[in-house]
PDB file of N, CA and C in Angstrom:
ATOM      1  N   MET A   1      88.105  44.543 112.615  1.00  0.00           N
ATOM      2  CA  MET A   1      87.906  43.123 112.482  1.00  0.00           C
ATOM      3  C   MET A   1      86.903  42.875 111.372  1.00  0.00           C
ATOM      4  N   ARG A   2      87.183  41.902 110.595  1.00  0.00           N
ATOM      5  CA  ARG A   2      86.266  41.486 109.531  1.00  0.00           C
ATOM      6  C   ARG A   2      85.729  40.127 109.935  1.00  0.00           C
ATOM      7  N   LEU A   3      84.453  40.066 110.265  1.00  0.00           N
ATOM      8  CA  LEU A   3      83.792  38.862 110.743  1.00  0.00           C
ATOM      9  C   LEU A   3      82.522  38.686 109.935  1.00  0.00           C
ATOM     10  N   PRO A   4      82.394  37.618 109.150  1.00  0.00           N
ATOM     11  CA  PRO A   4      81.188  37.438 108.349  1.00  0.00           C
ATOM     12  C   PRO A   4      79.957  37.334 109.243  1.00  0.00           C
ATOM     13  N   SER A   5      78.899  38.032 108.864  1.00  0.00           N
ATOM     14  CA  SER A   5      77.679  38.046 109.675  1.00  0.00           C
ATOM     15  C   SER A   5      76.726  36.910 109.324  1.00  0.00           C
ATOM     16  N   ALA A   6      76.981  36.210 108.228  1.00  0.00           N
ATOM     17  CA  ALA A   6      76.148  35.076 107.824  1.00  0.00           C
ATOM     18  C   ALA A   6      77.011  34.103 107.034  1.00  0.00           C
ATOM     19  N   GLU A   7      76.621  32.868 106.982  1.00  0.00           N
ATOM     20  CA  GLU A   7      77.385  31.822 106.303  1.00  0.00           C
ATOM     21  C   GLU A   7      77.691  32.180 104.848  1.00  0.00           C
ATOM     22  N   GLY A   8      76.781  32.866 104.193  1.00  0.00           N
ATOM     23  CA  GLY A   8      76.975  33.237 102.798  1.00  0.00           C
ATOM     24  C   GLY A   8      78.117  34.215 102.568  1.00  0.00           C
ATOM     25  N   TYR A   9      78.595  34.875 103.618  1.00  0.00           N
ATOM     26  CA  TYR A   9      79.677  35.850 103.476  1.00  0.00           C
ATOM     27  C   TYR A   9      81.064  35.266 103.748  1.00  0.00           C
ATOM     28  N   VAL A  10      81.137  34.024 104.183  1.00  0.00           N
ATOM     29  CA  VAL A  10      82.424  33.404 104.488  1.00  0.00           C
ATOM     30  C   VAL A  10      83.326  33.405 103.259  1.00  0.00           C
ATOM     31  N   ALA A  11      82.791  33.026 102.115  1.00  0.00           N
ATOM     32  CA  ALA A  11      83.596  32.985 100.893  1.00  0.00           C
ATOM     33  C   ALA A  11      84.115  34.375 100.525  1.00  0.00           C
ATOM     34  N   ALA A  12      83.333  35.422 100.803  1.00  0.00           N
ATOM     35  CA  ALA A  12      83.766  36.787 100.483  1.00  0.00           C
ATOM     36  C   ALA A  12      84.981  37.178 101.316  1.00  0.00           C
ATOM     37  N   VAL A  13      85.014  36.801 102.575  1.00  0.00           N
ATOM     38  CA  VAL A  13      86.154  37.120 103.438  1.00  0.00           C
ATOM     39  C   VAL A  13      87.402  36.414 102.915  1.00  0.00           C
ATOM     40  N   GLU A  14      87.258  35.144 102.569  1.00  0.00           N
ATOM     41  CA  GLU A  14      88.394  34.394 102.043  1.00  0.00           C
ATOM     42  C   GLU A  14      88.873  34.986 100.713  1.00  0.00           C
ATOM     43  N   LYS A  15      87.935  35.412  99.873  1.00  0.00           N
ATOM     44  CA  LYS A  15      88.293  36.019  98.588  1.00  0.00           C
ATOM     45  C   LYS A  15      89.014  37.353  98.806  1.00  0.00           C
ATOM     46  N   GLU A  16      88.533  38.173  99.747  1.00  0.00           N
ATOM     47  CA  GLU A  16      89.199  39.447 100.046  1.00  0.00           C
ATOM     48  C   GLU A  16      90.625  39.210 100.527  1.00  0.00           C
ATOM     49  N   ASN A  17      90.817  38.217 101.403  1.00  0.00           N
ATOM     50  CA  ASN A  17      92.157  37.913 101.904  1.00  0.00           C
ATOM     51  C   ASN A  17      93.096  37.524 100.771  1.00  0.00           C
ATOM     52  N   ARG A  18      92.573  36.854  99.784  1.00  0.00           N
ATOM     53  CA  ARG A  18      93.395  36.410  98.666  1.00  0.00           C
ATOM     54  C   ARG A  18      93.696  37.544  97.698  1.00  0.00           C
ATOM     55  N   TRP A  19      92.690  38.339  97.335  1.00  0.00           N
ATOM     56  CA  TRP A  19      92.845  39.284  96.233  1.00  0.00           C
ATOM     57  C   TRP A  19      93.191  40.722  96.608  1.00  0.00           C
ATOM     58  N   LEU A  20      92.763  41.203  97.750  1.00  0.00           N
ATOM     59  CA  LEU A  20      93.058  42.598  98.085  1.00  0.00           C
ATOM     60  C   LEU A  20      94.558  42.912  98.119  1.00  0.00           C
ATOM     61  N   PRO A  21      95.401  42.072  98.706  1.00  0.00           N
ATOM     62  CA  PRO A  21      96.837  42.376  98.645  1.00  0.00           C
ATOM     63  C   PRO A  21      97.369  42.409  97.207  1.00  0.00           C
ATOM     64  N   GLU A  22      96.831  41.572  96.344  1.00  0.00           N
ATOM     65  CA  GLU A  22      97.254  41.544  94.935  1.00  0.00           C
ATOM     66  C   GLU A  22      96.821  42.817  94.207  1.00  0.00           C
ATOM     67  N   LEU A  23      95.633  43.317  94.533  1.00  0.00           N
ATOM     68  CA  LEU A  23      95.072  44.478  93.848  1.00  0.00           C
ATOM     69  C   LEU A  23      95.510  45.809  94.452  1.00  0.00           C
ATOM     70  N   ALA A  24      96.041  45.781  95.653  1.00  0.00           N
ATOM     71  CA  ALA A  24      96.332  47.013  96.401  1.00  0.00           C
ATOM     72  C   ALA A  24      97.158  48.023  95.610  1.00  0.00           C
ATOM     73  N   GLY A  25      98.145  47.573  94.879  1.00  0.00           N
ATOM     74  CA  GLY A  25      98.999  48.494  94.129  1.00  0.00           C
ATOM     75  C   GLY A  25      98.312  49.132  92.938  1.00  0.00           C
ATOM     76  N   HIS A  26      97.142  48.642  92.567  1.00  0.00           N
ATOM     77  CA  HIS A  26      96.418  49.150  91.409  1.00  0.00           C
ATOM     78  C   HIS A  26      95.189  49.971  91.792  1.00  0.00           C
ATOM     79  N   LEU A  27      94.962  50.148  93.069  1.00  0.00           N
ATOM     80  CA  LEU A  27      93.779  50.876  93.547  1.00  0.00           C
ATOM     81  C   LEU A  27      94.157  52.297  93.951  1.00  0.00           C
ATOM     82  N   PRO A  28      93.205  53.255  93.845  1.00  0.00           N
ATOM     83  CA  PRO A  28      93.518  54.657  94.133  1.00  0.00           C
ATOM     84  C   PRO A  28      93.666  54.977  95.628  1.00  0.00           C
ATOM     85  N   LEU A  29      93.202  54.099  96.509  1.00  0.00           N
ATOM     86  CA  LEU A  29      93.287  54.328  97.954  1.00  0.00           C
ATOM     87  C   LEU A  29      94.096  53.209  98.599  1.00  0.00           C
ATOM     88  N   PRO A  30      94.715  53.481  99.739  1.00  0.00           N
ATOM     89  CA  PRO A  30      95.467  52.418 100.405  1.00  0.00           C
ATOM     90  C   PRO A  30      94.548  51.302 100.899  1.00  0.00           C
ATOM     91  N   VAL A  31      95.026  50.094 100.802  1.00  0.00           N
ATOM     92  CA  VAL A  31      94.283  48.923 101.275  1.00  0.00           C
ATOM     93  C   VAL A  31      95.047  48.352 102.463  1.00  0.00           C
ATOM     94  N   PRO A  32      94.442  48.318 103.657  1.00  0.00           N
ATOM     95  CA  PRO A  32      95.152  47.773 104.808  1.00  0.00           C
ATOM     96  C   PRO A  32      95.373  46.267 104.650  1.00  0.00           C
ATOM     97  N   ALA A  33      96.587  45.839 104.896  1.00  0.00           N
ATOM     98  CA  ALA A  33      96.917  44.417 104.799  1.00  0.00           C
ATOM     99  C   ALA A  33      96.421  43.695 106.047  1.00  0.00           C
ATOM    100  N   PRO A  34      95.997  42.450 105.898  1.00  0.00           N
ATOM    101  CA  PRO A  34      95.596  41.693 107.088  1.00  0.00           C
ATOM    102  C   PRO A  34      96.807  41.416 107.972  1.00  0.00           C
ATOM    103  N   VAL A  35      96.684  41.685 109.262  1.00  0.00           N
ATOM    104  CA  VAL A  35      97.770  41.418 110.192  1.00  0.00           C
ATOM    105  C   VAL A  35      97.455  40.212 111.073  1.00  0.00           C
ATOM    106  N   ALA A  36      96.212  39.770 111.050  1.00  0.00           N
ATOM    107  CA  ALA A  36      95.801  38.585 111.795  1.00  0.00           C
ATOM    108  C   ALA A  36      94.676  37.898 111.039  1.00  0.00           C
ATOM    109  N   VAL A  37      94.802  36.593 110.884  1.00  0.00           N
ATOM    110  CA  VAL A  37      93.760  35.811 110.221  1.00  0.00           C
ATOM    111  C   VAL A  37      93.456  34.627 111.124  1.00  0.00           C
ATOM    112  N   GLY A  38      92.194  34.518 111.508  1.00  0.00           N
ATOM    113  CA  GLY A  38      91.780  33.406 112.363  1.00  0.00           C
ATOM    114  C   GLY A  38      90.969  32.394 111.573  1.00  0.00           C
ATOM    115  N   ARG A  39      91.248  31.154 111.813  1.00  0.00           N
ATOM    116  CA  ARG A  39      90.517  30.080 111.144  1.00  0.00           C
ATOM    117  C   ARG A  39      89.262  29.736 111.955  1.00  0.00           C
ATOM    118  N   PRO A  40      88.248  29.163 111.287  1.00  0.00           N
ATOM    119  CA  PRO A  40      87.057  28.745 112.028  1.00  0.00           C
ATOM    120  C   PRO A  40      87.432  27.757 113.131  1.00  0.00           C
ATOM    121  N   GLY A  41      86.740  27.862 114.246  1.00  0.00           N
ATOM    122  CA  GLY A  41      86.998  26.970 115.367  1.00  0.00           C
ATOM    123  C   GLY A  41      85.736  26.730 116.165  1.00  0.00           C
ATOM    124  N   ARG A  42      85.903  26.151 117.328  1.00  0.00           N
ATOM    125  CA  ARG A  42      84.756  25.811 118.174  1.00  0.00           C
ATOM    126  C   ARG A  42      84.033  27.060 118.673  1.00  0.00           C
ATOM    127  N   ARG A  43      84.786  28.088 119.097  1.00  0.00           N
ATOM    128  CA  ARG A  43      84.165  29.290 119.659  1.00  0.00           C
ATOM    129  C   ARG A  43      83.685  30.261 118.595  1.00  0.00           C
ATOM    130  N   VAL A  44      84.423  30.365 117.495  1.00  0.00           N
ATOM    131  CA  VAL A  44      84.039  31.254 116.391  1.00  0.00           C
ATOM    132  C   VAL A  44      84.042  30.395 115.126  1.00  0.00           C
ATOM    133  N   PRO A  45      82.864  30.034 114.617  1.00  0.00           N
ATOM    134  CA  PRO A  45      82.791  29.062 113.527  1.00  0.00           C
ATOM    135  C   PRO A  45      83.045  29.631 112.131  1.00  0.00           C
ATOM    136  N   VAL A  46      83.546  30.847 112.038  1.00  0.00           N
ATOM    137  CA  VAL A  46      83.800  31.473 110.736  1.00  0.00           C
ATOM    138  C   VAL A  46      85.202  32.073 110.741  1.00  0.00           C
ATOM    139  N   PRO A  47      85.799  32.290 109.559  1.00  0.00           N
ATOM    140  CA  PRO A  47      87.114  32.938 109.532  1.00  0.00           C
ATOM    141  C   PRO A  47      87.004  34.398 109.959  1.00  0.00           C
ATOM    142  N   VAL A  48      88.044  34.900 110.607  1.00  0.00           N
ATOM    143  CA  VAL A  48      88.080  36.277 111.097  1.00  0.00           C
ATOM    144  C   VAL A  48      89.367  36.917 110.582  1.00  0.00           C
ATOM    145  N   VAL A  49      89.288  38.189 110.190  1.00  0.00           N
ATOM    146  CA  VAL A  49      90.456  38.897 109.696  1.00  0.00           C
ATOM    147  C   VAL A  49      90.605  40.195 110.470  1.00  0.00           C
ATOM    148  N   GLY A  50      91.833  40.487 110.869  1.00  0.00           N
ATOM    149  CA  GLY A  50      92.141  41.745 111.533  1.00  0.00           C
ATOM    150  C   GLY A  50      93.071  42.554 110.637  1.00  0.00           C
ATOM    151  N   PRO A  51      92.547  43.551 109.930  1.00  0.00           N
ATOM    152  CA  PRO A  51      93.405  44.357 109.060  1.00  0.00           C
ATOM    153  C   PRO A  51      94.203  45.377 109.859  1.00  0.00           C
ATOM    154  N   ALA A  52      95.272  45.869 109.242  1.00  0.00           N
ATOM    155  CA  ALA A  52      96.040  46.950 109.850  1.00  0.00           C
ATOM    156  C   ALA A  52      95.132  48.175 109.972  1.00  0.00           C
ATOM    157  N   VAL A  53      95.373  48.970 110.969  1.00  0.00           N
ATOM    158  CA  VAL A  53      94.557  50.168 111.179  1.00  0.00           C
ATOM    159  C   VAL A  53      95.040  51.259 110.227  1.00  0.00           C
ATOM    160  N   ALA A  54      94.105  51.830 109.486  1.00  0.00           N
ATOM    161  CA  ALA A  54      94.442  52.912 108.560  1.00  0.00           C
ATOM    162  C   ALA A  54      94.692  54.193 109.345  1.00  0.00           C
ATOM    163  N   GLY A  55      95.549  55.042 108.835  1.00  0.00           N
ATOM    164  CA  GLY A  55      95.834  56.314 109.494  1.00  0.00           C
ATOM    165  C   GLY A  55      94.685  57.292 109.323  1.00  0.00           C
ATOM    166  N   GLY A  56      94.786  58.392 109.970  1.00  0.00           N
ATOM    167  CA  GLY A  56      93.757  59.426 109.855  1.00  0.00           C
ATOM    168  C   GLY A  56      92.985  59.570 111.142  1.00  0.00           C
ATOM    169  N   ARG A  57      91.869  60.233 111.049  1.00  0.00           N
ATOM    170  CA  ARG A  57      91.033  60.421 112.236  1.00  0.00           C
ATOM    171  C   ARG A  57      89.602  60.075 111.885  1.00  0.00           C
ATOM    172  N   HIS A  58      88.824  59.838 112.897  1.00  0.00           N
ATOM    173  CA  HIS A  58      87.418  59.501 112.702  1.00  0.00           C
ATOM    174  C   HIS A  58      86.721  60.673 112.031  1.00  0.00           C
ATOM    175  N   PRO A  59      85.967  60.455 110.957  1.00  0.00           N
ATOM    176  CA  PRO A  59      85.372  61.563 110.226  1.00  0.00           C
ATOM    177  C   PRO A  59      84.341  62.347 111.027  1.00  0.00           C
ATOM    178  N   ARG A  60      83.782  61.777 112.074  1.00  0.00           N
ATOM    179  CA  ARG A  60      82.771  62.483 112.869  1.00  0.00           C
ATOM    180  C   ARG A  60      83.360  63.124 114.120  1.00  0.00           C
ATOM    181  N   ARG A  61      84.657  63.086 114.291  1.00  0.00           N
ATOM    182  CA  ARG A  61      85.286  63.696 115.463  1.00  0.00           C
ATOM    183  C   ARG A  61      85.760  65.106 115.131  1.00  0.00           C
ATOM    184  N   ARG A  62      85.630  65.990 116.091  1.00  0.00           N
ATOM    185  CA  ARG A  62      86.152  67.342 115.930  1.00  0.00           C
ATOM    186  C   ARG A  62      87.557  67.387 116.488  1.00  0.00           C
ATOM    187  N   ARG A  63      88.237  68.475 116.221  1.00  0.00           N
ATOM    188  CA  ARG A  63      89.555  68.655 116.820  1.00  0.00           C
ATOM    189  C   ARG A  63      89.429  68.607 118.332  1.00  0.00           C
ATOM    190  N   GLY A  64      90.440  68.086 118.977  1.00  0.00           N
ATOM    191  CA  GLY A  64      90.409  67.962 120.433  1.00  0.00           C
ATOM    192  C   GLY A  64      89.839  66.623 120.883  1.00  0.00           C
ATOM    193  N   GLY A  65      89.392  65.782 119.919  1.00  0.00           N
ATOM    194  CA  GLY A  65      88.919  64.446 120.253  1.00  0.00           C
ATOM    195  C   GLY A  65      87.495  64.368 120.741  1.00  0.00           C
ATOM    196  N   ARG A  66      86.792  65.505 120.789  1.00  0.00           N
ATOM    197  CA  ARG A  66      85.416  65.472 121.260  1.00  0.00           C
ATOM    198  C   ARG A  66      84.464  65.137 120.113  1.00  0.00           C
ATOM    199  N   PRO A  67      83.464  64.309 120.359  1.00  0.00           N
ATOM    200  CA  PRO A  67      82.483  64.053 119.315  1.00  0.00           C
ATOM    201  C   PRO A  67      81.655  65.312 119.066  1.00  0.00           C
ATOM    202  N   PRO A  68      81.043  65.436 117.893  1.00  0.00           N
ATOM    203  CA  PRO A  68      80.211  66.607 117.629  1.00  0.00           C
ATOM    204  C   PRO A  68      78.969  66.602 118.517  1.00  0.00           C
ATOM    205  N   PRO A  69      78.353  67.763 118.725  1.00  0.00           N
ATOM    206  CA  PRO A  69      77.119  67.804 119.519  1.00  0.00           C
ATOM    207  C   PRO A  69      76.045  66.964 118.865  1.00  0.00           C
ATOM    208  N   ALA A  70      75.117  66.480 119.652  1.00  0.00           N
ATOM    209  CA  ALA A  70      74.011  65.671 119.121  1.00  0.00           C
ATOM    210  C   ALA A  70      73.273  66.444 118.042  1.00  0.00           C
ATOM    211  N   GLY A  71      72.979  65.744 116.955  1.00  0.00           N
ATOM    212  CA  GLY A  71      72.257  66.357 115.858  1.00  0.00           C
ATOM    213  C   GLY A  71      73.135  67.106 114.877  1.00  0.00           C
ATOM    214  N   ALA A  72      74.440  67.161 115.125  1.00  0.00           N
ATOM    215  CA  ALA A  72      75.350  67.888 114.222  1.00  0.00           C
ATOM    216  C   ALA A  72      75.690  67.065 113.010  1.00  0.00           C
TER     217      ALA A  72
END
């Protein structure tokens, strides 16, 4: 989920929604497309974006799905 943490970041979220799909074909890494876009409302006063989940695995996870030992 992409949720602006301060009013000053609202424009950045809107700009990303507009330009990232346009730029995606020119970038060296895949850019997840937004699959859900929420408009500001009474409960959440800022726009919210839900991008597609990128493939792969969590970089801090070991094989077998266990997190690494503390301090690793």
